[in-house]
Structures are given as structure tokens and as C-alpha cells.
Amino acid sequence: MKVKKITAIIDDQQLEAVEHALETHGVTGFTVHAVSGRGKYNNYLYTRDPLVSHSQVEIYTSQDHVEKIAELIMRIAAVGLVSEGIVAITEVEQLNWVYEQKSASEEDFNYFSSIE
């Protein structure tokens, strides 16, 4: 199976723009979670709670589209701040459709339009 998972942790204020960009490019299947954490940059002197709120976007896609989708997310989410987030790409060993009771295949994720 050549399905990949993109996990993007981005600034909450960029979520709507990222969702719109994904949908505009045909990426309609994704999951969004509200998350909090801390990363590379912390300023403990000026904040009481070092955890920062972000949005986590998860997308399953084919190997053919993974790099372009990740680049799209990074381009849209970037605002020039150190704490903007991360984008991770991982391999998916197995993925199953609950309704159909069968394994998903890479072809199931080749419905995206041109991602430039």
C-alpha cells in the first residue's frame, strides 16, 4: 500500500485559509482537531501557560499527491512566525473503510485535482 498520511499542526488563525486551499484543489477528505502543545519556541518569561492552541489537520492521500499537498499546506499556513507549526508525512501500513468492510487502496485517493 502506498497511502500516506499528512499530519499538519498549524496556527488556528490559518485553518480557514488552509481548508479553503485544500478544497479548491480537490482535497475534500480531511480531519481537523483542536490541539495544544509547545514546540521549538517557548517564552516562559512572558506567558503563564506555555501551551499554545493550534489546529491539527490529517489527510490520507496517495504517494503521487503527498508532496504537493504538504507544500500547499506549508505555503498557505506560513505567516512568518517561529511557532507556525509542523507538517509530517508518514507511511500507512493498513487503512480500512468501515462501511465497506474492506481495505483502502492508493487508487481510492487519486481523486484530487491539479495541486500546483
PDB file of N, CA and C in Angstrom:
ATOM      1  N   MET A   1       0.855  -1.185   0.000  1.00  0.00           N
ATOM      2  CA  MET A   1       0.000   0.000   0.000  1.00  0.00           C
ATOM      3  C   MET A   1       0.892   1.234   0.000  1.00  0.00           C
ATOM      4  N   LYS A   2       0.580   2.174  -0.862  1.00  0.00           N
ATOM      5  CA  LYS A   2       1.368   3.397  -0.952  1.00  0.00           C
ATOM      6  C   LYS A   2       0.564   4.607  -0.496  1.00  0.00           C
ATOM      7  N   VAL A   3      -0.298   4.402   0.479  1.00  0.00           N
ATOM      8  CA  VAL A   3      -1.068   5.513   1.041  1.00  0.00           C
ATOM      9  C   VAL A   3      -0.206   6.210   2.082  1.00  0.00           C
ATOM     10  N   LYS A   4      -0.261   7.533   2.092  1.00  0.00           N
ATOM     11  CA  LYS A   4       0.494   8.337   3.050  1.00  0.00           C
ATOM     12  C   LYS A   4      -0.477   9.139   3.909  1.00  0.00           C
ATOM     13  N   LYS A   5      -0.014   9.500   5.101  1.00  0.00           N
ATOM     14  CA  LYS A   5      -0.801  10.345   5.993  1.00  0.00           C
ATOM     15  C   LYS A   5      -0.026  11.633   6.233  1.00  0.00           C
ATOM     16  N   ILE A   6      -0.712  12.744   6.007  1.00  0.00           N
ATOM     17  CA  ILE A   6      -0.137  14.049   6.303  1.00  0.00           C
ATOM     18  C   ILE A   6      -0.757  14.527   7.607  1.00  0.00           C
ATOM     19  N   THR A   7       0.073  14.885   8.564  1.00  0.00           N
ATOM     20  CA  THR A   7      -0.383  15.483   9.808  1.00  0.00           C
ATOM     21  C   THR A   7       0.218  16.876   9.877  1.00  0.00           C
ATOM     22  N   ALA A   8      -0.642  17.871   9.840  1.00  0.00           N
ATOM     23  CA  ALA A   8      -0.186  19.262   9.885  1.00  0.00           C
ATOM     24  C   ALA A   8      -0.707  19.909  11.153  1.00  0.00           C
ATOM     25  N   ILE A   9       0.172  20.511  11.911  1.00  0.00           N
ATOM     26  CA  ILE A   9      -0.218  21.289  13.084  1.00  0.00           C
ATOM     27  C   ILE A   9       0.064  22.737  12.729  1.00  0.00           C
ATOM     28  N   ILE A  10      -1.016  23.526  12.642  1.00  0.00           N
ATOM     29  CA  ILE A  10      -0.916  24.897  12.145  1.00  0.00           C
ATOM     30  C   ILE A  10      -1.589  25.868  13.106  1.00  0.00           C
ATOM     31  N   ASP A  11      -1.300  27.137  12.935  1.00  0.00           N
ATOM     32  CA  ASP A  11      -1.926  28.189  13.730  1.00  0.00           C
ATOM     33  C   ASP A  11      -3.433  28.189  13.485  1.00  0.00           C
ATOM     34  N   ASP A  12      -4.206  28.326  14.548  1.00  0.00           N
ATOM     35  CA  ASP A  12      -5.671  28.350  14.434  1.00  0.00           C
ATOM     36  C   ASP A  12      -6.161  29.390  13.434  1.00  0.00           C
ATOM     37  N   GLN A  13      -5.489  30.521  13.381  1.00  0.00           N
ATOM     38  CA  GLN A  13      -5.929  31.607  12.505  1.00  0.00           C
ATOM     39  C   GLN A  13      -5.722  31.285  11.031  1.00  0.00           C
ATOM     40  N   GLN A  14      -4.914  30.293  10.717  1.00  0.00           N
ATOM     41  CA  GLN A  14      -4.672  29.910   9.325  1.00  0.00           C
ATOM     42  C   GLN A  14      -5.543  28.737   8.884  1.00  0.00           C
ATOM     43  N   LEU A  15      -6.307  28.153   9.809  1.00  0.00           N
ATOM     44  CA  LEU A  15      -7.087  26.960   9.493  1.00  0.00           C
ATOM     45  C   LEU A  15      -8.071  27.194   8.357  1.00  0.00           C
ATOM     46  N   GLU A  16      -8.834  28.256   8.410  1.00  0.00           N
ATOM     47  CA  GLU A  16      -9.836  28.507   7.371  1.00  0.00           C
ATOM     48  C   GLU A  16      -9.182  28.645   5.994  1.00  0.00           C
ATOM     49  N   ALA A  17      -8.065  29.334   5.916  1.00  0.00           N
ATOM     50  CA  ALA A  17      -7.361  29.503   4.641  1.00  0.00           C
ATOM     51  C   ALA A  17      -6.827  28.166   4.124  1.00  0.00           C
ATOM     52  N   VAL A  18      -6.309  27.331   5.021  1.00  0.00           N
ATOM     53  CA  VAL A  18      -5.806  26.014   4.626  1.00  0.00           C
ATOM     54  C   VAL A  18      -6.958  25.133   4.158  1.00  0.00           C
ATOM     55  N   GLU A  19      -8.071  25.125   4.894  1.00  0.00           N
ATOM     56  CA  GLU A  19      -9.240  24.348   4.469  1.00  0.00           C
ATOM     57  C   GLU A  19      -9.696  24.776   3.080  1.00  0.00           C
ATOM     58  N   HIS A  20      -9.784  26.078   2.853  1.00  0.00           N
ATOM     59  CA  HIS A  20     -10.227  26.599   1.556  1.00  0.00           C
ATOM     60  C   HIS A  20      -9.264  26.176   0.440  1.00  0.00           C
ATOM     61  N   ALA A  21      -7.971  26.286   0.687  1.00  0.00           N
ATOM     62  CA  ALA A  21      -6.979  25.903  -0.323  1.00  0.00           C
ATOM     63  C   ALA A  21      -7.069  24.414  -0.647  1.00  0.00           C
ATOM     64  N   LEU A  22      -7.219  23.588   0.378  1.00  0.00           N
ATOM     65  CA  LEU A  22      -7.349  22.149   0.146  1.00  0.00           C
ATOM     66  C   LEU A  22      -8.588  21.848  -0.694  1.00  0.00           C
ATOM     67  N   GLU A  23      -9.721  22.417  -0.304  1.00  0.00           N
ATOM     68  CA  GLU A  23     -10.968  22.176  -1.032  1.00  0.00           C
ATOM     69  C   GLU A  23     -10.888  22.694  -2.460  1.00  0.00           C
ATOM     70  N   THR A  24     -10.265  23.851  -2.666  1.00  0.00           N
ATOM     71  CA  THR A  24     -10.110  24.426  -4.001  1.00  0.00           C
ATOM     72  C   THR A  24      -9.306  23.500  -4.911  1.00  0.00           C
ATOM     73  N   HIS A  25      -8.354  22.782  -4.330  1.00  0.00           N
ATOM     74  CA  HIS A  25      -7.512  21.873  -5.105  1.00  0.00           C
ATOM     75  C   HIS A  25      -8.048  20.438  -5.099  1.00  0.00           C
ATOM     76  N   GLY A  26      -9.281  20.243  -4.664  1.00  0.00           N
ATOM     77  CA  GLY A  26      -9.906  18.930  -4.735  1.00  0.00           C
ATOM     78  C   GLY A  26      -9.668  18.018  -3.561  1.00  0.00           C
ATOM     79  N   VAL A  27      -9.000  18.500  -2.534  1.00  0.00           N
ATOM     80  CA  VAL A  27      -8.746  17.684  -1.342  1.00  0.00           C
ATOM     81  C   VAL A  27      -9.907  17.922  -0.384  1.00  0.00           C
ATOM     82  N   THR A  28     -10.910  17.066  -0.458  1.00  0.00           N
ATOM     83  CA  THR A  28     -12.118  17.269   0.345  1.00  0.00           C
ATOM     84  C   THR A  28     -12.175  16.370   1.571  1.00  0.00           C
ATOM     85  N   GLY A  29     -11.321  15.371   1.638  1.00  0.00           N
ATOM     86  CA  GLY A  29     -11.322  14.461   2.776  1.00  0.00           C
ATOM     87  C   GLY A  29     -10.197  14.771   3.736  1.00  0.00           C
ATOM     88  N   PHE A  30     -10.538  15.368   4.870  1.00  0.00           N
ATOM     89  CA  PHE A  30      -9.539  15.634   5.906  1.00  0.00           C
ATOM     90  C   PHE A  30     -10.235  15.742   7.250  1.00  0.00           C
ATOM     91  N   THR A  31      -9.465  15.584   8.310  1.00  0.00           N
ATOM     92  CA  THR A  31      -9.966  15.662   9.677  1.00  0.00           C
ATOM     93  C   THR A  31      -9.241  16.792  10.390  1.00  0.00           C
ATOM     94  N   VAL A  32      -9.975  17.539  11.213  1.00  0.00           N
ATOM     95  CA  VAL A  32      -9.398  18.662  11.953  1.00  0.00           C
ATOM     96  C   VAL A  32      -9.618  18.444  13.448  1.00  0.00           C
ATOM     97  N   HIS A  33      -8.568  18.658  14.230  1.00  0.00           N
ATOM     98  CA  HIS A  33      -8.632  18.560  15.691  1.00  0.00           C
ATOM     99  C   HIS A  33      -8.102  19.852  16.301  1.00  0.00           C
ATOM    100  N   ALA A  34      -8.682  20.267  17.408  1.00  0.00           N
ATOM    101  CA  ALA A  34      -8.105  21.353  18.208  1.00  0.00           C
ATOM    102  C   ALA A  34      -7.050  20.719  19.109  1.00  0.00           C
ATOM    103  N   VAL A  35      -5.835  21.246  19.066  1.00  0.00           N
ATOM    104  CA  VAL A  35      -4.740  20.703  19.874  1.00  0.00           C
ATOM    105  C   VAL A  35      -4.016  21.836  20.589  1.00  0.00           C
ATOM    106  N   SER A  36      -3.251  21.482  21.594  1.00  0.00           N
ATOM    107  CA  SER A  36      -2.387  22.463  22.244  1.00  0.00           C
ATOM    108  C   SER A  36      -1.081  21.775  22.594  1.00  0.00           C
ATOM    109  N   GLY A  37      -0.041  22.546  22.615  1.00  0.00           N
ATOM    110  CA  GLY A  37       1.272  21.989  22.919  1.00  0.00           C
ATOM    111  C   GLY A  37       2.318  23.069  22.885  1.00  0.00           C
ATOM    112  N   ARG A  38       3.538  22.649  22.943  1.00  0.00           N
ATOM    113  CA  ARG A  38       4.635  23.601  22.837  1.00  0.00           C
ATOM    114  C   ARG A  38       5.682  22.990  21.927  1.00  0.00           C
ATOM    115  N   GLY A  39       6.356  23.848  21.254  1.00  0.00           N
ATOM    116  CA  GLY A  39       7.333  23.378  20.284  1.00  0.00           C
ATOM    117  C   GLY A  39       8.695  23.966  20.513  1.00  0.00           C
ATOM    118  N   LYS A  40       9.316  24.319  19.436  1.00  0.00           N
ATOM    119  CA  LYS A  40      10.693  24.791  19.439  1.00  0.00           C
ATOM    120  C   LYS A  40      10.853  26.120  20.165  1.00  0.00           C
ATOM    121  N   TYR A  41       9.860  26.989  20.091  1.00  0.00           N
ATOM    122  CA  TYR A  41       9.974  28.326  20.671  1.00  0.00           C
ATOM    123  C   TYR A  41       9.070  28.448  21.889  1.00  0.00           C
ATOM    124  N   ASN A  42       9.629  28.741  23.022  1.00  0.00           N
ATOM    125  CA  ASN A  42       8.867  28.996  24.247  1.00  0.00           C
ATOM    126  C   ASN A  42       9.403  30.263  24.894  1.00  0.00           C
ATOM    127  N   ASN A  43       8.520  31.079  25.394  1.00  0.00           N
ATOM    128  CA  ASN A  43       8.942  32.271  26.115  1.00  0.00           C
ATOM    129  C   ASN A  43       8.290  32.206  27.491  1.00  0.00           C
ATOM    130  N   TYR A  44       8.938  31.484  28.385  1.00  0.00           N
ATOM    131  CA  TYR A  44       8.384  31.280  29.713  1.00  0.00           C
ATOM    132  C   TYR A  44       8.318  32.561  30.538  1.00  0.00           C
ATOM    133  N   LEU A  45       9.073  33.581  30.166  1.00  0.00           N
ATOM    134  CA  LEU A  45       9.091  34.812  30.945  1.00  0.00           C
ATOM    135  C   LEU A  45       7.822  35.635  30.775  1.00  0.00           C
ATOM    136  N   TYR A  46       7.151  35.503  29.649  1.00  0.00           N
ATOM    137  CA  TYR A  46       6.023  36.379  29.356  1.00  0.00           C
ATOM    138  C   TYR A  46       4.681  35.669  29.244  1.00  0.00           C
ATOM    139  N   THR A  47       4.626  34.405  29.524  1.00  0.00           N
ATOM    140  CA  THR A  47       3.360  33.686  29.422  1.00  0.00           C
ATOM    141  C   THR A  47       3.172  32.791  30.638  1.00  0.00           C
ATOM    142  N   ARG A  48       1.945  32.695  31.098  1.00  0.00           N
ATOM    143  CA  ARG A  48       1.665  31.847  32.257  1.00  0.00           C
ATOM    144  C   ARG A  48       1.478  30.394  31.827  1.00  0.00           C
ATOM    145  N   ASP A  49       0.908  30.189  30.658  1.00  0.00           N
ATOM    146  CA  ASP A  49       0.663  28.839  30.156  1.00  0.00           C
ATOM    147  C   ASP A  49       1.507  28.627  28.903  1.00  0.00           C
ATOM    148  N   PRO A  50       2.537  27.801  28.987  1.00  0.00           N
ATOM    149  CA  PRO A  50       3.416  27.621  27.832  1.00  0.00           C
ATOM    150  C   PRO A  50       2.786  26.818  26.696  1.00  0.00           C
ATOM    151  N   LEU A  51       1.589  26.257  26.912  1.00  0.00           N
ATOM    152  CA  LEU A  51       0.921  25.517  25.843  1.00  0.00           C
ATOM    153  C   LEU A  51       0.206  26.490  24.917  1.00  0.00           C
ATOM    154  N   VAL A  52       0.361  26.267  23.619  1.00  0.00           N
ATOM    155  CA  VAL A  52      -0.224  27.136  22.607  1.00  0.00           C
ATOM    156  C   VAL A  52      -1.296  26.362  21.859  1.00  0.00           C
ATOM    157  N   SER A  53      -2.431  27.000  21.580  1.00  0.00           N
ATOM    158  CA  SER A  53      -3.509  26.364  20.816  1.00  0.00           C
ATOM    159  C   SER A  53      -3.178  26.367  19.331  1.00  0.00           C
ATOM    160  N   HIS A  54      -3.399  25.234  18.688  1.00  0.00           N
ATOM    161  CA  HIS A  54      -3.215  25.076  17.252  1.00  0.00           C
ATOM    162  C   HIS A  54      -4.329  24.181  16.712  1.00  0.00           C
ATOM    163  N   SER A  55      -4.353  24.011  15.418  1.00  0.00           N
ATOM    164  CA  SER A  55      -5.261  23.068  14.764  1.00  0.00           C
ATOM    165  C   SER A  55      -4.425  21.980  14.115  1.00  0.00           C
ATOM    166  N   GLN A  56      -4.896  20.751  14.237  1.00  0.00           N
ATOM    167  CA  GLN A  56      -4.223  19.624  13.594  1.00  0.00           C
ATOM    168  C   GLN A  56      -5.094  19.152  12.440  1.00  0.00           C
ATOM    169  N   VAL A  57      -4.509  19.076  11.258  1.00  0.00           N
ATOM    170  CA  VAL A  57      -5.213  18.626  10.062  1.00  0.00           C
ATOM    171  C   VAL A  57      -4.585  17.307   9.631  1.00  0.00           C
ATOM    172  N   GLU A  58      -5.422  16.286   9.426  1.00  0.00           N
ATOM    173  CA  GLU A  58      -4.938  14.978   8.985  1.00  0.00           C
ATOM    174  C   GLU A  58      -5.550  14.656   7.629  1.00  0.00           C
ATOM    175  N   ILE A  59      -4.700  14.198   6.712  1.00  0.00           N
ATOM    176  CA  ILE A  59      -5.139  13.879   5.357  1.00  0.00           C
ATOM    177  C   ILE A  59      -4.501  12.559   4.943  1.00  0.00           C
ATOM    178  N   TYR A  60      -5.298  11.656   4.394  1.00  0.00           N
ATOM    179  CA  TYR A  60      -4.778  10.440   3.776  1.00  0.00           C
ATOM    180  C   TYR A  60      -4.770  10.678   2.275  1.00  0.00           C
ATOM    181  N   THR A  61      -3.668  10.325   1.631  1.00  0.00           N
ATOM    182  CA  THR A  61      -3.539  10.579   0.203  1.00  0.00           C
ATOM    183  C   THR A  61      -2.619   9.550  -0.441  1.00  0.00           C
ATOM    184  N   SER A  62      -2.573   9.572  -1.754  1.00  0.00           N
ATOM    185  CA  SER A  62      -1.681   8.675  -2.480  1.00  0.00           C
ATOM    186  C   SER A  62      -0.262   9.234  -2.459  1.00  0.00           C
ATOM    187  N   GLN A  63       0.680   8.378  -2.716  1.00  0.00           N
ATOM    188  CA  GLN A  63       2.083   8.784  -2.760  1.00  0.00           C
ATOM    189  C   GLN A  63       2.301   9.844  -3.837  1.00  0.00           C
ATOM    190  N   ASP A  64       1.525   9.790  -4.914  1.00  0.00           N
ATOM    191  CA  ASP A  64       1.672  10.748  -6.014  1.00  0.00           C
ATOM    192  C   ASP A  64       1.337  12.176  -5.608  1.00  0.00           C
ATOM    193  N   HIS A  65       0.466  12.361  -4.626  1.00  0.00           N
ATOM    194  CA  HIS A  65      -0.008  13.696  -4.262  1.00  0.00           C
ATOM    195  C   HIS A  65       0.560  14.232  -2.953  1.00  0.00           C
ATOM    196  N   VAL A  66       1.228  13.403  -2.181  1.00  0.00           N
ATOM    197  CA  VAL A  66       1.591  13.773  -0.813  1.00  0.00           C
ATOM    198  C   VAL A  66       2.491  15.009  -0.743  1.00  0.00           C
ATOM    199  N   GLU A  67       3.502  15.089  -1.569  1.00  0.00           N
ATOM    200  CA  GLU A  67       4.426  16.231  -1.508  1.00  0.00           C
ATOM    201  C   GLU A  67       3.728  17.535  -1.883  1.00  0.00           C
ATOM    202  N   LYS A  68       2.901  17.499  -2.923  1.00  0.00           N
ATOM    203  CA  LYS A  68       2.217  18.720  -3.366  1.00  0.00           C
ATOM    204  C   LYS A  68       1.219  19.212  -2.325  1.00  0.00           C
ATOM    205  N   ILE A  69       0.523  18.284  -1.668  1.00  0.00           N
ATOM    206  CA  ILE A  69      -0.425  18.685  -0.630  1.00  0.00           C
ATOM    207  C   ILE A  69       0.322  19.275   0.565  1.00  0.00           C
ATOM    208  N   ALA A  70       1.413  18.631   0.974  1.00  0.00           N
ATOM    209  CA  ALA A  70       2.211  19.147   2.098  1.00  0.00           C
ATOM    210  C   ALA A  70       2.754  20.539   1.779  1.00  0.00           C
ATOM    211  N   GLU A  71       3.248  20.735   0.564  1.00  0.00           N
ATOM    212  CA  GLU A  71       3.764  22.050   0.161  1.00  0.00           C
ATOM    213  C   GLU A  71       2.660  23.098   0.145  1.00  0.00           C
ATOM    214  N   LEU A  72       1.467  22.719  -0.309  1.00  0.00           N
ATOM    215  CA  LEU A  72       0.325  23.636  -0.319  1.00  0.00           C
ATOM    216  C   LEU A  72      -0.003  24.086   1.103  1.00  0.00           C
ATOM    217  N   ILE A  73      -0.071  23.139   2.032  1.00  0.00           N
ATOM    218  CA  ILE A  73      -0.371  23.471   3.428  1.00  0.00           C
ATOM    219  C   ILE A  73       0.688  24.416   3.989  1.00  0.00           C
ATOM    220  N   MET A  74       1.957  24.104   3.762  1.00  0.00           N
ATOM    221  CA  MET A  74       3.028  24.948   4.303  1.00  0.00           C
ATOM    222  C   MET A  74       2.987  26.351   3.709  1.00  0.00           C
ATOM    223  N   ARG A  75       2.713  26.449   2.418  1.00  0.00           N
ATOM    224  CA  ARG A  75       2.659  27.763   1.766  1.00  0.00           C
ATOM    225  C   ARG A  75       1.508  28.609   2.309  1.00  0.00           C
ATOM    226  N   ILE A  76       0.339  28.005   2.487  1.00  0.00           N
ATOM    227  CA  ILE A  76      -0.837  28.746   2.949  1.00  0.00           C
ATOM    228  C   ILE A  76      -0.744  29.062   4.440  1.00  0.00           C
ATOM    229  N   ALA A  77      -0.193  28.149   5.240  1.00  0.00           N
ATOM    230  CA  ALA A  77      -0.142  28.337   6.696  1.00  0.00           C
ATOM    231  C   ALA A  77       0.968  29.279   7.137  1.00  0.00           C
ATOM    232  N   ALA A  78       1.934  29.539   6.290  1.00  0.00           N
ATOM    233  CA  ALA A  78       3.089  30.353   6.674  1.00  0.00           C
ATOM    234  C   ALA A  78       2.724  31.827   6.812  1.00  0.00           C
ATOM    235  N   VAL A  79       3.063  32.395   7.973  1.00  0.00           N
ATOM    236  CA  VAL A  79       2.865  33.832   8.205  1.00  0.00           C
ATOM    237  C   VAL A  79       4.140  34.490   8.730  1.00  0.00           C
ATOM    238  N   GLY A  80       5.223  33.743   8.783  1.00  0.00           N
ATOM    239  CA  GLY A  80       6.499  34.314   9.184  1.00  0.00           C
ATOM    240  C   GLY A  80       6.806  34.270  10.666  1.00  0.00           C
ATOM    241  N   LEU A  81       6.145  33.388  11.408  1.00  0.00           N
ATOM    242  CA  LEU A  81       6.389  33.274  12.849  1.00  0.00           C
ATOM    243  C   LEU A  81       7.078  31.955  13.174  1.00  0.00           C
ATOM    244  N   VAL A  82       7.864  31.950  14.234  1.00  0.00           N
ATOM    245  CA  VAL A  82       8.587  30.748  14.647  1.00  0.00           C
ATOM    246  C   VAL A  82       7.628  29.632  15.043  1.00  0.00           C
ATOM    247  N   SER A  83       6.510  29.965  15.660  1.00  0.00           N
ATOM    248  CA  SER A  83       5.602  28.957  16.219  1.00  0.00           C
ATOM    249  C   SER A  83       4.471  28.573  15.275  1.00  0.00           C
ATOM    250  N   GLU A  84       4.716  28.577  13.964  1.00  0.00           N
ATOM    251  CA  GLU A  84       3.658  28.293  12.996  1.00  0.00           C
ATOM    252  C   GLU A  84       3.207  26.844  12.979  1.00  0.00           C
ATOM    253  N   GLY A  85       4.049  25.922  13.314  1.00  0.00           N
ATOM    254  CA  GLY A  85       3.639  24.531  13.341  1.00  0.00           C
ATOM    255  C   GLY A  85       4.565  23.623  12.566  1.00  0.00           C
ATOM    256  N   ILE A  86       4.040  22.428  12.239  1.00  0.00           N
ATOM    257  CA  ILE A  86       4.824  21.415  11.534  1.00  0.00           C
ATOM    258  C   ILE A  86       3.929  20.672  10.551  1.00  0.00           C
ATOM    259  N   VAL A  87       4.561  20.014   9.590  1.00  0.00           N
ATOM    260  CA  VAL A  87       3.863  19.118   8.671  1.00  0.00           C
ATOM    261  C   VAL A  87       4.667  17.824   8.630  1.00  0.00           C
ATOM    262  N   ALA A  88       4.027  16.718   8.983  1.00  0.00           N
ATOM    263  CA  ALA A  88       4.689  15.411   8.987  1.00  0.00           C
ATOM    264  C   ALA A  88       4.022  14.504   7.959  1.00  0.00           C
ATOM    265  N   ILE A  89       4.829  13.682   7.309  1.00  0.00           N
ATOM    266  CA  ILE A  89       4.327  12.703   6.346  1.00  0.00           C
ATOM    267  C   ILE A  89       4.747  11.330   6.847  1.00  0.00           C
ATOM    268  N   THR A  90       3.767  10.435   6.996  1.00  0.00           N
ATOM    269  CA  THR A  90       4.056   9.085   7.468  1.00  0.00           C
ATOM    270  C   THR A  90       3.448   8.056   6.521  1.00  0.00           C
ATOM    271  N   GLU A  91       4.048   6.875   6.531  1.00  0.00           N
ATOM    272  CA  GLU A  91       3.523   5.779   5.728  1.00  0.00           C
ATOM    273  C   GLU A  91       2.362   5.128   6.469  1.00  0.00           C
ATOM    274  N   VAL A  92       1.393   4.658   5.710  1.00  0.00           N
ATOM    275  CA  VAL A  92       0.241   3.971   6.282  1.00  0.00           C
ATOM    276  C   VAL A  92       0.377   2.492   5.944  1.00  0.00           C
ATOM    277  N   GLU A  93       0.502   1.679   6.975  1.00  0.00           N
ATOM    278  CA  GLU A  93       0.661   0.243   6.763  1.00  0.00           C
ATOM    279  C   GLU A  93      -0.641  -0.400   6.301  1.00  0.00           C
ATOM    280  N   GLN A  94      -1.744   0.000   6.918  1.00  0.00           N
ATOM    281  CA  GLN A  94      -3.045  -0.538   6.533  1.00  0.00           C
ATOM    282  C   GLN A  94      -4.108   0.505   6.826  1.00  0.00           C
ATOM    283  N   LEU A  95      -5.093   0.593   5.931  1.00  0.00           N
ATOM    284  CA  LEU A  95      -6.195   1.528   6.089  1.00  0.00           C
ATOM    285  C   LEU A  95      -7.454   0.821   5.630  1.00  0.00           C
ATOM    286  N   ASN A  96      -8.483   0.831   6.455  1.00  0.00           N
ATOM    287  CA  ASN A  96      -9.715   0.107   6.140  1.00  0.00           C
ATOM    288  C   ASN A  96     -10.910   1.041   6.117  1.00  0.00           C
ATOM    289  N   TRP A  97     -11.809   0.795   5.191  1.00  0.00           N
ATOM    290  CA  TRP A  97     -13.081   1.509   5.132  1.00  0.00           C
ATOM    291  C   TRP A  97     -14.062   0.774   6.040  1.00  0.00           C
ATOM    292  N   VAL A  98     -14.607   1.442   7.033  1.00  0.00           N
ATOM    293  CA  VAL A  98     -15.521   0.814   7.986  1.00  0.00           C
ATOM    294  C   VAL A  98     -16.809   0.380   7.285  1.00  0.00           C
ATOM    295  N   TYR A  99     -17.422   1.268   6.526  1.00  0.00           N
ATOM    296  CA  TYR A  99     -18.707   0.976   5.891  1.00  0.00           C
ATOM    297  C   TYR A  99     -18.611  -0.213   4.940  1.00  0.00           C
ATOM    298  N   GLU A 100     -17.561  -0.240   4.129  1.00  0.00           N
ATOM    299  CA  GLU A 100     -17.419  -1.293   3.122  1.00  0.00           C
ATOM    300  C   GLU A 100     -16.752  -2.551   3.659  1.00  0.00           C
ATOM    301  N   GLN A 101     -16.214  -2.469   4.875  1.00  0.00           N
ATOM    302  CA  GLN A 101     -15.541  -3.612   5.490  1.00  0.00           C
ATOM    303  C   GLN A 101     -14.438  -4.160   4.587  1.00  0.00           C
ATOM    304  N   LYS A 102     -13.650  -3.229   3.994  1.00  0.00           N
ATOM    305  CA  LYS A 102     -12.552  -3.662   3.132  1.00  0.00           C
ATOM    306  C   LYS A 102     -11.381  -2.695   3.257  1.00  0.00           C
ATOM    307  N   SER A 103     -10.242  -3.154   2.795  1.00  0.00           N
ATOM    308  CA  SER A 103      -9.039  -2.324   2.830  1.00  0.00           C
ATOM    309  C   SER A 103      -9.105  -1.232   1.776  1.00  0.00           C
ATOM    310  N   ALA A 104      -8.602  -0.071   2.132  1.00  0.00           N
ATOM    311  CA  ALA A 104      -8.486   1.025   1.170  1.00  0.00           C
ATOM    312  C   ALA A 104      -7.245   0.784   0.319  1.00  0.00           C
ATOM    313  N   SER A 105      -7.240   1.356  -0.872  1.00  0.00           N
ATOM    314  CA  SER A 105      -6.077   1.245  -1.746  1.00  0.00           C
ATOM    315  C   SER A 105      -5.636   2.637  -2.178  1.00  0.00           C
ATOM    316  N   GLU A 106      -4.464   2.716  -2.756  1.00  0.00           N
ATOM    317  CA  GLU A 106      -3.941   4.002  -3.215  1.00  0.00           C
ATOM    318  C   GLU A 106      -4.885   4.637  -4.237  1.00  0.00           C
ATOM    319  N   GLU A 107      -5.521   3.837  -5.066  1.00  0.00           N
ATOM    320  CA  GLU A 107      -6.443   4.355  -6.075  1.00  0.00           C
ATOM    321  C   GLU A 107      -7.628   5.094  -5.450  1.00  0.00           C
ATOM    322  N   ASP A 108      -7.981   4.752  -4.224  1.00  0.00           N
ATOM    323  CA  ASP A 108      -9.085   5.432  -3.534  1.00  0.00           C
ATOM    324  C   ASP A 108      -8.766   6.902  -3.265  1.00  0.00           C
ATOM    325  N   PHE A 109      -7.508   7.291  -3.367  1.00  0.00           N
ATOM    326  CA  PHE A 109      -7.088   8.652  -3.035  1.00  0.00           C
ATOM    327  C   PHE A 109      -6.525   9.398  -4.240  1.00  0.00           C
ATOM    328  N   ASN A 110      -6.865   8.977  -5.430  1.00  0.00           N
ATOM    329  CA  ASN A 110      -6.406   9.638  -6.650  1.00  0.00           C
ATOM    330  C   ASN A 110      -7.488  10.505  -7.263  1.00  0.00           C
ATOM    331  N   TYR A 111      -8.340  11.091  -6.456  1.00  0.00           N
ATOM    332  CA  TYR A 111      -9.425  11.925  -6.970  1.00  0.00           C
ATOM    333  C   TYR A 111      -9.132  13.406  -6.854  1.00  0.00           C
ATOM    334  N   PHE A 112      -7.935  13.769  -6.455  1.00  0.00           N
ATOM    335  CA  PHE A 112      -7.594  15.177  -6.286  1.00  0.00           C
ATOM    336  C   PHE A 112      -7.358  15.835  -7.632  1.00  0.00           C
ATOM    337  N   SER A 113      -7.764  17.083  -7.746  1.00  0.00           N
ATOM    338  CA  SER A 113      -7.474  17.843  -8.957  1.00  0.00           C
ATOM    339  C   SER A 113      -6.035  18.348  -8.892  1.00  0.00           C
ATOM    340  N   SER A 114      -5.631  19.042  -9.897  1.00  0.00           N
ATOM    341  CA  SER A 114      -4.251  19.520 -10.004  1.00  0.00           C
ATOM    342  C   SER A 114      -3.869  20.366  -8.796  1.00  0.00           C
ATOM    343  N   ILE A 115      -2.787  20.002  -8.158  1.00  0.00           N
ATOM    344  CA  ILE A 115      -2.291  20.740  -6.997  1.00  0.00           C
ATOM    345  C   ILE A 115      -0.998  21.419  -7.408  1.00  0.00           C
ATOM    346  N   GLU A 116      -1.078  22.686  -7.626  1.00  0.00           N
ATOM    347  CA  GLU A 116       0.095  23.461  -8.069  1.00  0.00           C
ATOM    348  C   GLU A 116       0.466  24.461  -7.005  1.00  0.00           C
TER     349      GLU A 116
END
